[in-house]
Amino acid sequence: MMRLRLAGFAFFILFTLLAAAILWPAATLVPWLERASNGHWQLSAAQGTLWNGRGTLLSRAGDAAPWRYAQSIQWRARWRDLLGGRLGVDIIFEQGGHALLAVTPGRVALERFDLSLPAPAIVVLLPGALGRYGWAGRLRARGDNFRCAWNSHSCNGEMELLWSDAAVAEAPGSKLGDYRFRLVGEGQALRVDLTTLNGRLQINGSGEITDGGLSFRGEAGATGSDAASLDALLRTLGRPAATPGKYQIDYRDTNVPR
């Protein structure tokens, strides 16, 4: 009889813990997201549970900057994925965009994703001065599988970033153009290829991000009637090349943490 009572009590405790986990409020994500983004992202108006809910994603450039709207999102756990040894979460952006977040004990992955956010909401996550140039435009990320290990700076997979209507506060005049970034995770290194699709600021090149920092080599130039207005920016980016109006970029920053 005593064993039966103990078994019943253990079952009751297990059931209570399971119910509590399933009903864990979505607000649990709020402090976690702020810590993970170093205070640059916030989940506002969180509703539902940790496994099935919705909220509004806000971003800011710094501690003293105001929060700005980025996207309204929904998420829903895919319990059937547990049979395959992982936790899957469908993420839906209400203004267009979706992704499957797959979590295992060893890694986290984005699968079948096509997501769009204002550029300022993404670039604020860049380290150092890179995140403080007054970026504008919209970034769209898409790919089939990009996965990273929990306990190391190791990522594998490929994604494409499209930056449309790009602009920075330091560059006077109209929008700079549209650009494509190809990101390829190769273990401890993240390779970056940049191509200009169109626009008055032409930049093409490649680089990589490793534990040793960020490096990028390429060529830049300006087109159009107001090309001269970009001279100061081009001189900042690189040195004059043999071709008139072109600048060679050889950028290295050993203080960029991953």
Protein backbone atom coordinates (compact mmCIF):
# COMPACT_ATOMS: atom_id res chain seq x y z
CA MET A 1 0.00 0.00 0.00
CA MET A 2 2.84 2.38 0.88
CA ARG A 3 4.50 1.78 -2.49
CA LEU A 4 1.21 2.48 -4.26
CA ARG A 5 0.83 5.77 -2.40
CA LEU A 6 4.41 6.78 -3.20
CA ALA A 7 3.87 5.91 -6.87
CA GLY A 8 0.67 7.95 -6.93
CA PHE A 9 2.40 10.90 -5.26
CA ALA A 10 5.30 10.72 -7.72
CA PHE A 11 2.87 10.64 -10.64
CA PHE A 12 1.04 13.67 -9.23
CA ILE A 13 4.31 15.64 -8.91
CA LEU A 14 5.37 14.66 -12.44
CA PHE A 15 1.97 15.64 -13.85
CA THR A 16 2.09 18.99 -12.03
CA LEU A 17 5.59 19.78 -13.32
CA LEU A 18 4.61 18.79 -16.85
CA ALA A 19 1.49 20.96 -16.74
CA ALA A 20 3.50 23.88 -15.37
CA ALA A 21 6.06 23.52 -18.16
CA ILE A 22 3.37 23.38 -20.86
CA LEU A 23 1.56 26.42 -19.43
CA TRP A 24 4.74 28.41 -18.80
CA PRO A 25 3.78 31.99 -19.77
CA ALA A 26 5.18 33.66 -22.87
CA ALA A 27 6.44 36.51 -20.68
CA THR A 28 9.27 34.16 -19.67
CA LEU A 29 10.89 35.00 -23.00
CA VAL A 30 11.08 38.75 -22.28
CA PRO A 31 14.17 38.88 -20.00
CA TRP A 32 15.85 36.04 -21.94
CA LEU A 33 15.58 37.89 -25.27
CA GLU A 34 16.93 41.14 -23.77
CA ARG A 35 19.93 39.33 -22.28
CA ALA A 36 20.61 37.38 -25.46
CA SER A 37 20.58 40.57 -27.56
CA ASN A 38 22.60 42.65 -25.07
CA GLY A 39 19.60 44.87 -24.44
CA HIS A 40 18.89 45.63 -28.12
CA TRP A 41 15.72 43.52 -28.56
CA GLN A 42 12.59 43.32 -26.46
CA LEU A 43 9.45 41.19 -26.70
CA SER A 44 6.48 43.39 -25.87
CA ALA A 45 2.82 42.47 -25.29
CA ALA A 46 3.71 38.78 -24.93
CA GLN A 47 0.63 36.55 -24.86
CA GLY A 48 0.06 32.80 -24.58
CA THR A 49 2.64 30.30 -23.40
CA LEU A 50 6.30 29.58 -23.95
CA TRP A 51 5.25 26.99 -26.54
CA ASN A 52 2.35 28.73 -28.27
CA GLY A 53 2.12 32.50 -28.19
CA ARG A 54 2.60 35.86 -29.83
CA GLY A 55 4.18 39.22 -29.18
CA THR A 56 5.69 42.36 -30.68
CA LEU A 57 9.40 42.54 -31.38
CA LEU A 58 11.01 45.91 -30.56
CA SER A 59 14.60 47.05 -31.10
CA ARG A 60 16.80 49.96 -30.03
CA ALA A 61 20.28 51.20 -30.89
CA GLY A 62 21.47 51.70 -27.29
CA ASP A 63 20.45 51.96 -23.66
CA ALA A 64 19.38 55.60 -24.04
CA ALA A 65 17.65 55.11 -27.41
CA PRO A 66 13.88 54.66 -27.71
CA TRP A 67 12.37 51.29 -28.52
CA ARG A 68 11.13 50.99 -32.13
CA TYR A 69 8.69 48.54 -33.69
CA ALA A 70 10.30 45.74 -35.71
CA GLN A 71 7.72 42.96 -36.27
CA SER A 72 4.72 41.19 -34.79
CA ILE A 73 5.49 37.49 -34.35
CA GLN A 74 3.79 34.23 -33.46
CA TRP A 75 5.35 30.93 -32.43
CA ARG A 76 4.05 27.39 -32.03
CA ALA A 77 5.88 24.29 -30.82
CA ARG A 78 5.92 21.21 -33.05
CA TRP A 79 5.56 18.46 -30.44
CA ARG A 80 5.81 15.71 -33.07
CA ASP A 81 9.44 16.71 -33.65
CA LEU A 82 10.27 15.35 -30.19
CA LEU A 83 10.00 11.88 -31.71
CA GLY A 84 13.06 12.77 -33.77
CA GLY A 85 15.05 13.93 -30.76
CA ARG A 86 14.61 17.68 -31.18
CA LEU A 87 12.25 20.51 -30.32
CA GLY A 88 10.82 22.35 -33.33
CA VAL A 89 9.14 25.75 -33.17
CA ASP A 90 7.30 27.37 -36.08
CA ILE A 91 7.88 31.14 -36.15
CA ILE A 92 5.56 33.36 -38.19
CA PHE A 93 6.04 37.07 -38.87
CA GLU A 94 2.61 38.65 -39.20
CA GLN A 95 3.84 41.07 -41.88
CA GLY A 96 5.29 38.25 -43.93
CA GLY A 97 7.99 35.74 -43.12
CA HIS A 98 8.42 32.33 -41.52
CA ALA A 99 11.04 29.99 -40.09
CA LEU A 100 11.42 26.67 -38.34
CA LEU A 101 13.61 26.87 -35.24
CA ALA A 102 15.03 23.45 -34.39
CA VAL A 103 16.71 22.91 -31.01
CA THR A 104 18.73 19.87 -29.94
CA PRO A 105 21.08 19.37 -26.95
CA GLY A 106 24.06 20.20 -29.16
CA ARG A 107 22.87 22.92 -31.51
CA VAL A 108 20.19 25.35 -32.66
CA ALA A 109 19.18 25.69 -36.31
CA LEU A 110 17.03 27.81 -38.61
CA GLU A 111 15.38 25.74 -41.32
CA ARG A 112 13.31 26.75 -44.35
CA PHE A 113 13.41 30.39 -43.36
CA ASP A 114 12.39 33.57 -45.16
CA LEU A 115 12.36 36.48 -42.74
CA SER A 116 12.24 40.25 -43.16
CA LEU A 117 13.07 42.96 -40.61
CA PRO A 118 13.99 46.65 -40.68
CA ALA A 119 17.76 46.94 -41.10
CA PRO A 120 18.20 48.90 -37.82
CA ALA A 121 16.70 45.96 -35.89
CA ILE A 122 19.49 43.68 -37.17
CA VAL A 123 22.54 45.92 -37.39
CA VAL A 124 22.22 47.00 -33.74
CA LEU A 125 23.47 43.49 -32.96
CA LEU A 126 26.77 44.17 -34.77
CA PRO A 127 29.68 44.63 -32.39
CA GLY A 128 31.60 47.85 -31.81
CA ALA A 129 31.18 50.88 -34.05
CA LEU A 130 29.61 48.82 -36.84
CA GLY A 131 26.22 48.98 -35.16
CA ARG A 132 26.22 52.77 -34.76
CA TYR A 133 26.31 54.08 -38.33
CA GLY A 134 22.61 54.96 -38.59
CA TRP A 135 21.66 52.14 -40.94
CA ALA A 136 18.33 52.18 -42.80
CA GLY A 137 16.47 49.98 -45.27
CA ARG A 138 15.14 46.47 -44.95
CA LEU A 139 16.91 43.12 -44.57
CA ARG A 140 15.51 39.83 -45.81
CA ALA A 141 17.15 36.57 -44.73
CA ARG A 142 16.39 33.31 -46.46
CA GLY A 143 17.82 29.81 -46.64
CA ASP A 144 17.18 26.12 -46.03
CA ASN A 145 19.41 25.30 -43.08
CA PHE A 146 21.79 27.34 -40.93
CA ARG A 147 22.89 25.72 -37.67
CA CYS A 148 25.19 26.68 -34.81
CA ALA A 149 26.58 24.80 -31.82
CA TRP A 150 25.50 25.88 -28.34
CA ASN A 151 28.90 25.83 -26.69
CA SER A 152 31.26 27.10 -29.43
CA HIS A 153 31.54 29.63 -32.24
CA SER A 154 30.87 26.94 -34.81
CA CYS A 155 28.21 27.36 -37.50
CA ASN A 156 27.46 25.49 -40.70
CA GLY A 157 25.07 26.14 -43.53
CA GLU A 158 24.26 28.96 -45.90
CA MET A 159 21.92 31.92 -45.97
CA GLU A 160 21.26 34.89 -48.23
CA LEU A 161 20.73 38.42 -46.92
CA LEU A 162 19.11 40.97 -49.21
CA TRP A 163 19.48 44.60 -48.09
CA SER A 164 17.02 46.77 -50.01
CA ASP A 165 16.81 50.59 -50.01
CA ALA A 166 20.08 50.65 -48.07
CA ALA A 167 21.22 53.90 -46.48
CA VAL A 168 23.49 55.10 -43.69
CA ALA A 169 23.37 58.40 -41.82
CA GLU A 170 26.99 59.21 -42.74
CA ALA A 171 26.26 59.10 -46.49
CA PRO A 172 24.43 62.21 -47.75
CA GLY A 173 21.79 62.13 -50.46
CA SER A 174 19.40 59.44 -51.59
CA LYS A 175 19.45 55.72 -50.84
CA LEU A 176 22.71 53.90 -51.59
CA GLY A 177 21.21 50.89 -53.37
CA ASP A 178 20.34 47.22 -52.99
CA TYR A 179 22.87 44.58 -51.92
CA ARG A 180 23.15 40.81 -51.52
CA PHE A 181 25.18 39.10 -48.79
CA ARG A 182 25.92 35.39 -49.01
CA LEU A 183 26.83 33.96 -45.60
CA VAL A 184 28.44 30.52 -45.45
CA GLY A 185 29.18 28.89 -42.11
CA GLU A 186 32.33 26.78 -42.27
CA GLY A 187 32.78 25.67 -38.70
CA GLN A 188 34.84 28.26 -36.84
CA ALA A 189 34.71 30.72 -39.77
CA LEU A 190 31.78 32.59 -41.30
CA ARG A 191 32.46 33.56 -44.92
CA VAL A 192 30.76 36.67 -46.32
CA ASP A 193 30.37 37.52 -50.01
CA LEU A 194 28.94 40.95 -50.90
CA THR A 195 27.46 41.87 -54.29
CA THR A 196 25.83 45.13 -55.37
CA LEU A 197 22.53 44.56 -57.16
CA ASN A 198 21.99 48.20 -58.09
CA GLY A 199 22.52 51.68 -56.70
CA ARG A 200 24.84 54.67 -56.62
CA LEU A 201 27.32 53.07 -54.20
CA GLN A 202 28.90 50.01 -55.78
CA ILE A 203 30.64 47.59 -53.39
CA ASN A 204 31.72 44.05 -54.20
CA GLY A 205 34.02 41.76 -52.25
CA SER A 206 34.37 38.98 -49.73
CA GLY A 207 35.62 38.40 -46.22
CA GLU A 208 35.21 36.28 -43.14
CA ILE A 209 34.49 36.44 -39.44
CA THR A 210 36.51 34.23 -37.12
CA ASP A 211 37.64 34.24 -33.50
CA GLY A 212 40.50 36.41 -34.77
CA GLY A 213 38.13 39.15 -35.93
CA LEU A 214 36.57 40.48 -39.11
CA SER A 215 38.34 40.86 -42.46
CA PHE A 216 36.98 42.10 -45.79
CA ARG A 217 38.59 42.79 -49.16
CA GLY A 218 36.88 44.28 -52.18
CA GLU A 219 36.34 47.27 -54.42
CA ALA A 220 34.02 50.27 -54.12
CA GLY A 221 32.95 53.10 -56.36
CA ALA A 222 30.11 55.54 -57.00
CA THR A 223 27.87 56.11 -60.01
CA GLY A 224 25.30 58.69 -60.99
CA SER A 225 25.15 62.47 -61.09
CA ASP A 226 25.85 62.83 -57.36
CA ALA A 227 28.77 60.38 -57.25
CA ALA A 228 31.06 63.10 -55.93
CA SER A 229 28.96 63.36 -52.76
CA LEU A 230 30.23 59.90 -51.77
CA ASP A 231 33.92 60.77 -52.06
CA ALA A 232 34.37 61.22 -48.31
CA LEU A 233 32.70 57.87 -47.58
CA LEU A 234 34.77 56.09 -50.22
CA ARG A 235 38.01 57.50 -48.83
CA THR A 236 36.95 56.14 -45.44
CA LEU A 237 36.26 52.70 -46.91
CA GLY A 238 39.53 52.29 -48.78
CA ARG A 239 42.39 53.70 -50.84
CA PRO A 240 42.28 54.91 -54.47
CA ALA A 241 42.74 52.13 -57.00
CA ALA A 242 44.47 52.27 -60.37
CA THR A 243 41.09 52.76 -62.06
CA PRO A 244 39.81 56.34 -61.61
CA GLY A 245 36.85 56.53 -59.23
CA LYS A 246 37.52 53.10 -57.74
CA TYR A 247 38.73 52.34 -54.21
CA GLN A 248 40.39 49.21 -52.86
CA ILE A 249 38.99 47.99 -49.54
CA ASP A 250 41.18 46.01 -47.16
CA TYR A 251 39.41 46.12 -43.81
CA ARG A 252 40.46 44.26 -40.69
CA ASP A 253 39.13 44.48 -37.16
CA THR A 254 40.62 42.17 -34.55
CA ASN A 255 38.27 43.48 -31.85
CA VAL A 256 35.09 41.98 -33.27
CA PRO A 257 33.82 39.19 -30.96
CA ARG A 258 31.66 36.43 -32.35
